[in-house]
Each structure stands twice: as C-alpha cells, then as structure tokens.
Amino acid sequence: MGYSAQYLANEEWMELHAAYVAHGSGPEFWQVYQELQQAAVARHGEARIHIVNELARAAEHMGAIHQAILV
C-alpha cells in the first residue's frame, strides 16, 4: 500500500485495506481501524500523534473519509 511500516506491520495495513474493501466506511471498518490504532499506540505510545495522523491519511487515501483531519 505504500505506507510506513514504522508503526503498523504490512499485515496490519493489509488488514485495514481488506476491512475497507469488505465494509466500505461502515462500522466494521472503523472497528478494525480502532483496534489497529490501539495496538500501534500500545507498542509506540510516544508516537501517538504520528500514528493517528498516518492512519487518518490511510483512511482518506482508501476513500473511507473525504478529508483527514490531522492532529
């Protein structure tokens, strides 16, 4: 997908993308999104802002949201 593996592993990015393909921007997608975000923050808490911004950009790129609001 072209995203940084600094915070999420490739498998996690693929899981997020698969959730979007399967569910669009429905609740199931956002559940996966939140779970991946929480896992990344648990591993790299000091980079919380970078993590949430990177995931927001990914959601925007996938089409789940029109425009990401970054922290």
N, C-alpha and C. Protein backbone atom coordinates (compact mmCIF):
# COMPACT_ATOMS: atom_id res chain seq x y z
N MET A 1 0.81 -1.20 0.00
CA MET A 1 0.00 0.00 0.00
C MET A 1 0.84 1.26 0.00
N GLY A 2 2.10 1.13 0.30
CA GLY A 2 2.95 2.30 0.27
C GLY A 2 3.02 3.08 1.56
N TYR A 3 2.48 2.53 2.64
CA TYR A 3 2.53 3.24 3.91
C TYR A 3 3.72 2.79 4.73
N SER A 4 4.08 3.61 5.67
CA SER A 4 5.23 3.32 6.52
C SER A 4 4.95 2.10 7.40
N ALA A 5 5.93 1.25 7.51
CA ALA A 5 5.83 0.10 8.42
C ALA A 5 6.39 0.46 9.78
N GLN A 6 6.66 1.72 10.00
CA GLN A 6 7.23 2.15 11.27
C GLN A 6 6.27 1.88 12.43
N TYR A 7 4.98 2.04 12.20
CA TYR A 7 4.01 1.88 13.28
C TYR A 7 3.11 0.65 13.11
N LEU A 8 2.81 0.30 11.87
CA LEU A 8 1.99 -0.88 11.59
C LEU A 8 2.74 -1.81 10.66
N ALA A 9 2.62 -3.09 10.92
CA ALA A 9 3.24 -4.08 10.03
C ALA A 9 2.44 -4.14 8.73
N ASN A 10 3.09 -4.65 7.69
CA ASN A 10 2.41 -4.78 6.39
C ASN A 10 1.10 -5.56 6.53
N GLU A 11 1.11 -6.59 7.36
CA GLU A 11 -0.10 -7.39 7.56
C GLU A 11 -1.23 -6.55 8.15
N GLU A 12 -0.87 -5.62 9.02
CA GLU A 12 -1.89 -4.75 9.63
C GLU A 12 -2.45 -3.78 8.59
N TRP A 13 -1.57 -3.24 7.74
CA TRP A 13 -2.05 -2.36 6.67
C TRP A 13 -2.98 -3.14 5.74
N MET A 14 -2.60 -4.37 5.43
CA MET A 14 -3.43 -5.20 4.55
C MET A 14 -4.77 -5.52 5.22
N GLU A 15 -4.75 -5.74 6.52
CA GLU A 15 -5.99 -5.99 7.26
C GLU A 15 -6.91 -4.76 7.19
N LEU A 16 -6.34 -3.58 7.35
CA LEU A 16 -7.13 -2.35 7.26
C LEU A 16 -7.72 -2.20 5.87
N HIS A 17 -6.91 -2.41 4.86
CA HIS A 17 -7.38 -2.30 3.48
C HIS A 17 -8.47 -3.33 3.19
N ALA A 18 -8.27 -4.56 3.64
CA ALA A 18 -9.28 -5.61 3.43
C ALA A 18 -10.59 -5.25 4.12
N ALA A 19 -10.51 -4.64 5.30
CA ALA A 19 -11.72 -4.22 6.00
C ALA A 19 -12.46 -3.15 5.20
N TYR A 20 -11.71 -2.25 4.56
CA TYR A 20 -12.34 -1.22 3.74
C TYR A 20 -12.99 -1.83 2.50
N VAL A 21 -12.28 -2.73 1.86
CA VAL A 21 -12.83 -3.39 0.67
C VAL A 21 -14.12 -4.14 1.03
N ALA A 22 -14.11 -4.82 2.16
CA ALA A 22 -15.25 -5.63 2.57
C ALA A 22 -16.42 -4.81 3.11
N HIS A 23 -16.13 -3.69 3.79
CA HIS A 23 -17.18 -2.98 4.51
C HIS A 23 -17.34 -1.51 4.14
N GLY A 24 -16.51 -1.01 3.23
CA GLY A 24 -16.56 0.42 2.93
C GLY A 24 -16.23 1.19 4.19
N SER A 25 -16.92 2.29 4.39
CA SER A 25 -16.65 3.09 5.59
C SER A 25 -17.65 2.79 6.70
N GLY A 26 -18.15 1.57 6.70
CA GLY A 26 -19.12 1.16 7.72
C GLY A 26 -18.47 0.88 9.06
N PRO A 27 -19.29 0.56 10.04
CA PRO A 27 -18.80 0.35 11.40
C PRO A 27 -17.74 -0.75 11.52
N GLU A 28 -17.85 -1.78 10.69
CA GLU A 28 -16.87 -2.86 10.76
C GLU A 28 -15.47 -2.36 10.40
N PHE A 29 -15.39 -1.48 9.39
CA PHE A 29 -14.10 -0.89 9.02
C PHE A 29 -13.54 -0.10 10.20
N TRP A 30 -14.38 0.73 10.81
CA TRP A 30 -13.89 1.60 11.89
C TRP A 30 -13.52 0.79 13.13
N GLN A 31 -14.13 -0.36 13.32
CA GLN A 31 -13.74 -1.24 14.43
C GLN A 31 -12.32 -1.74 14.21
N VAL A 32 -12.03 -2.22 13.00
CA VAL A 32 -10.67 -2.68 12.67
C VAL A 32 -9.69 -1.51 12.81
N TYR A 33 -10.06 -0.36 12.30
CA TYR A 33 -9.23 0.85 12.37
C TYR A 33 -8.85 1.14 13.82
N GLN A 34 -9.85 1.16 14.70
CA GLN A 34 -9.59 1.47 16.11
C GLN A 34 -8.73 0.40 16.78
N GLU A 35 -8.97 -0.85 16.45
CA GLU A 35 -8.16 -1.92 17.05
C GLU A 35 -6.71 -1.81 16.63
N LEU A 36 -6.47 -1.54 15.35
CA LEU A 36 -5.10 -1.39 14.86
C LEU A 36 -4.44 -0.15 15.47
N GLN A 37 -5.19 0.92 15.58
CA GLN A 37 -4.66 2.14 16.19
C GLN A 37 -4.28 1.90 17.64
N GLN A 38 -5.14 1.24 18.40
CA GLN A 38 -4.85 0.95 19.80
C GLN A 38 -3.62 0.06 19.95
N ALA A 39 -3.49 -0.94 19.08
CA ALA A 39 -2.33 -1.82 19.13
C ALA A 39 -1.05 -1.05 18.83
N ALA A 40 -1.09 -0.18 17.83
CA ALA A 40 0.10 0.61 17.46
C ALA A 40 0.47 1.57 18.59
N VAL A 41 -0.51 2.19 19.21
CA VAL A 41 -0.23 3.11 20.31
C VAL A 41 0.33 2.35 21.51
N ALA A 42 -0.17 1.14 21.74
CA ALA A 42 0.36 0.33 22.85
C ALA A 42 1.83 0.00 22.62
N ARG A 43 2.21 -0.22 21.36
CA ARG A 43 3.61 -0.55 21.05
C ARG A 43 4.49 0.69 20.99
N HIS A 44 3.94 1.80 20.52
CA HIS A 44 4.74 3.01 20.26
C HIS A 44 4.04 4.23 20.85
N GLY A 45 3.69 4.19 22.10
CA GLY A 45 2.92 5.26 22.74
C GLY A 45 3.51 6.65 22.57
N GLU A 46 4.83 6.71 22.52
CA GLU A 46 5.48 8.02 22.39
C GLU A 46 5.21 8.66 21.04
N ALA A 47 4.75 7.89 20.09
CA ALA A 47 4.50 8.40 18.73
C ALA A 47 3.00 8.49 18.43
N ARG A 48 2.18 8.63 19.44
CA ARG A 48 0.72 8.63 19.29
C ARG A 48 0.24 9.56 18.18
N ILE A 49 0.73 10.77 18.14
CA ILE A 49 0.28 11.74 17.13
C ILE A 49 0.63 11.26 15.73
N HIS A 50 1.83 10.75 15.55
CA HIS A 50 2.23 10.25 14.23
C HIS A 50 1.37 9.07 13.81
N ILE A 51 1.04 8.22 14.74
CA ILE A 51 0.23 7.05 14.45
C ILE A 51 -1.17 7.46 14.00
N VAL A 52 -1.82 8.31 14.78
CA VAL A 52 -3.19 8.70 14.42
C VAL A 52 -3.22 9.47 13.11
N ASN A 53 -2.21 10.29 12.86
CA ASN A 53 -2.17 11.03 11.59
C ASN A 53 -1.94 10.09 10.41
N GLU A 54 -1.07 9.12 10.57
CA GLU A 54 -0.79 8.19 9.49
C GLU A 54 -2.02 7.34 9.17
N LEU A 55 -2.71 6.89 10.20
CA LEU A 55 -3.93 6.12 9.97
C LEU A 55 -5.02 6.99 9.35
N ALA A 56 -5.12 8.24 9.75
CA ALA A 56 -6.11 9.14 9.15
C ALA A 56 -5.82 9.35 7.66
N ARG A 57 -4.55 9.52 7.32
CA ARG A 57 -4.18 9.66 5.91
C ARG A 57 -4.52 8.39 5.13
N ALA A 58 -4.31 7.23 5.75
CA ALA A 58 -4.63 5.97 5.09
C ALA A 58 -6.13 5.87 4.84
N ALA A 59 -6.94 6.23 5.82
CA ALA A 59 -8.39 6.18 5.66
C ALA A 59 -8.83 7.12 4.54
N GLU A 60 -8.21 8.29 4.46
CA GLU A 60 -8.51 9.24 3.39
C GLU A 60 -8.12 8.65 2.03
N HIS A 61 -6.94 8.09 1.95
CA HIS A 61 -6.44 7.52 0.70
C HIS A 61 -7.33 6.37 0.22
N MET A 62 -7.82 5.57 1.16
CA MET A 62 -8.69 4.45 0.80
C MET A 62 -10.07 4.91 0.34
N GLY A 63 -10.46 6.11 0.78
CA GLY A 63 -11.78 6.62 0.45
C GLY A 63 -12.78 6.50 1.57
N ALA A 64 -12.34 6.07 2.76
CA ALA A 64 -13.25 5.91 3.90
C ALA A 64 -13.75 7.26 4.40
N ILE A 65 -12.93 8.29 4.22
CA ILE A 65 -13.32 9.66 4.59
C ILE A 65 -12.91 10.59 3.47
N HIS A 66 -13.61 11.72 3.37
CA HIS A 66 -13.31 12.66 2.30
C HIS A 66 -11.99 13.40 2.54
N GLN A 67 -11.82 13.92 3.75
CA GLN A 67 -10.60 14.65 4.08
C GLN A 67 -10.20 14.35 5.51
N ALA A 68 -9.00 13.88 5.69
CA ALA A 68 -8.49 13.58 7.03
C ALA A 68 -8.24 14.85 7.79
N ILE A 69 -8.58 14.82 9.05
CA ILE A 69 -8.27 15.92 9.96
C ILE A 69 -7.10 15.44 10.82
N LEU A 70 -5.99 16.10 10.68
CA LEU A 70 -4.76 15.67 11.37
C LEU A 70 -4.60 16.39 12.68
N VAL A 71 -3.94 15.72 13.62
CA VAL A 71 -3.71 16.27 14.95
C VAL A 71 -2.43 17.06 14.93
